[in-house]
């Protein structure tokens, strides 16, 4: 995946995660799978979706904001 962190196919009930997540802080790693799993219960980003996110991961907004401030991938690494 080059443009998003994760994806959920509700028909096949499959979730794909961007491997670049492995380079992100642990709190960000939890947000994406929970978000995609919620899509198995609610397909759209509706009020119900936000309610379910609040139920399963109350600080999801902070985690999402942290993740979205970071680049999707790093092309060069300095060691």
Protein backbone atom coordinates (compact mmCIF):
# COMPACT_ATOMS: atom_id res chain seq x y z
CA UNK A 1 0.00 0.00 0.00
CA UNK A 2 1.42 3.33 -1.00
CA UNK A 3 -1.35 5.75 -0.05
CA UNK A 4 -3.05 4.48 3.10
CA UNK A 5 -2.36 2.75 6.40
CA UNK A 6 -4.91 -0.02 6.10
CA UNK A 7 -7.87 -1.37 4.21
CA UNK A 8 -10.85 -3.57 4.96
CA UNK A 9 -12.86 -5.64 2.51
CA UNK A 10 -16.16 -6.23 4.31
CA UNK A 11 -17.39 -8.82 1.82
CA UNK A 12 -14.40 -11.13 2.17
CA UNK A 13 -13.82 -9.99 5.78
CA UNK A 14 -10.14 -9.35 5.11
CA UNK A 15 -7.93 -6.61 6.44
CA UNK A 16 -4.72 -5.37 4.85
CA UNK A 17 -2.16 -3.33 6.75
CA UNK A 18 0.58 -1.14 5.36
CA UNK A 19 3.94 -2.65 6.35
CA UNK A 20 5.29 0.85 7.00
CA UNK A 21 3.28 0.74 10.25
CA UNK A 22 6.09 -1.37 11.70
CA UNK A 23 8.19 1.80 11.74
CA UNK A 24 5.64 3.81 13.70
CA UNK A 25 5.13 4.24 17.47
CA UNK A 26 3.28 1.36 19.20
CA UNK A 27 0.23 3.50 20.00
CA UNK A 28 -0.21 4.08 16.26
CA UNK A 29 0.09 0.37 15.54
CA UNK A 30 -2.98 -0.40 17.62
CA UNK A 31 -5.15 2.30 16.06
CA UNK A 32 -5.16 0.99 12.48
CA UNK A 33 -6.19 -2.65 13.20
CA UNK A 34 -8.95 -1.47 15.55
CA UNK A 35 -10.16 1.01 12.92
CA UNK A 36 -10.24 -1.66 10.23
CA UNK A 37 -11.94 -4.20 12.52
CA UNK A 38 -14.64 -1.64 13.30
CA UNK A 39 -15.32 -1.52 9.56
CA UNK A 40 -16.41 -5.15 9.77
CA UNK A 41 -19.22 -3.87 12.03
CA UNK A 42 -19.83 -0.53 10.31
CA UNK A 43 -18.80 -0.09 6.71
CA UNK A 44 -18.76 3.73 6.58
CA UNK A 45 -17.16 6.45 8.67
CA UNK A 46 -20.54 7.20 10.21
CA UNK A 47 -21.52 8.31 13.69
CA UNK A 48 -21.87 4.62 14.59
CA UNK A 49 -18.31 4.00 13.42
CA UNK A 50 -17.04 6.81 15.65
CA UNK A 51 -19.12 5.47 18.53
CA UNK A 52 -17.58 2.01 18.12
CA UNK A 53 -14.09 3.51 17.96
CA UNK A 54 -14.84 5.42 21.18
CA UNK A 55 -15.95 2.18 22.79
CA UNK A 56 -12.97 0.04 21.75
CA UNK A 57 -10.19 2.64 21.68
CA UNK A 58 -11.24 5.80 23.58
CA UNK A 59 -8.13 7.82 22.63
CA UNK A 60 -8.29 6.92 18.93
CA UNK A 61 -8.45 10.55 17.79
CA UNK A 62 -5.11 11.37 19.41
CA UNK A 63 -3.55 8.23 17.93
CA UNK A 64 -4.94 9.04 14.48
CA UNK A 65 -3.63 12.60 14.66
CA UNK A 66 -0.16 11.40 15.71
CA UNK A 67 -0.05 8.89 12.87
CA UNK A 68 -1.29 11.39 10.29
CA UNK A 69 1.46 13.85 11.25
CA UNK A 70 4.08 11.31 10.15
CA UNK A 71 5.13 10.54 6.58
CA UNK A 72 3.63 7.41 5.07
CA UNK A 73 7.09 5.98 4.42
CA UNK A 74 10.75 6.81 4.83
CA UNK A 75 12.83 6.40 1.71
CA UNK A 76 16.21 7.02 3.31
CA UNK A 77 17.42 6.10 6.75
CA UNK A 78 20.44 7.50 8.60
CA UNK A 79 22.16 5.16 11.02
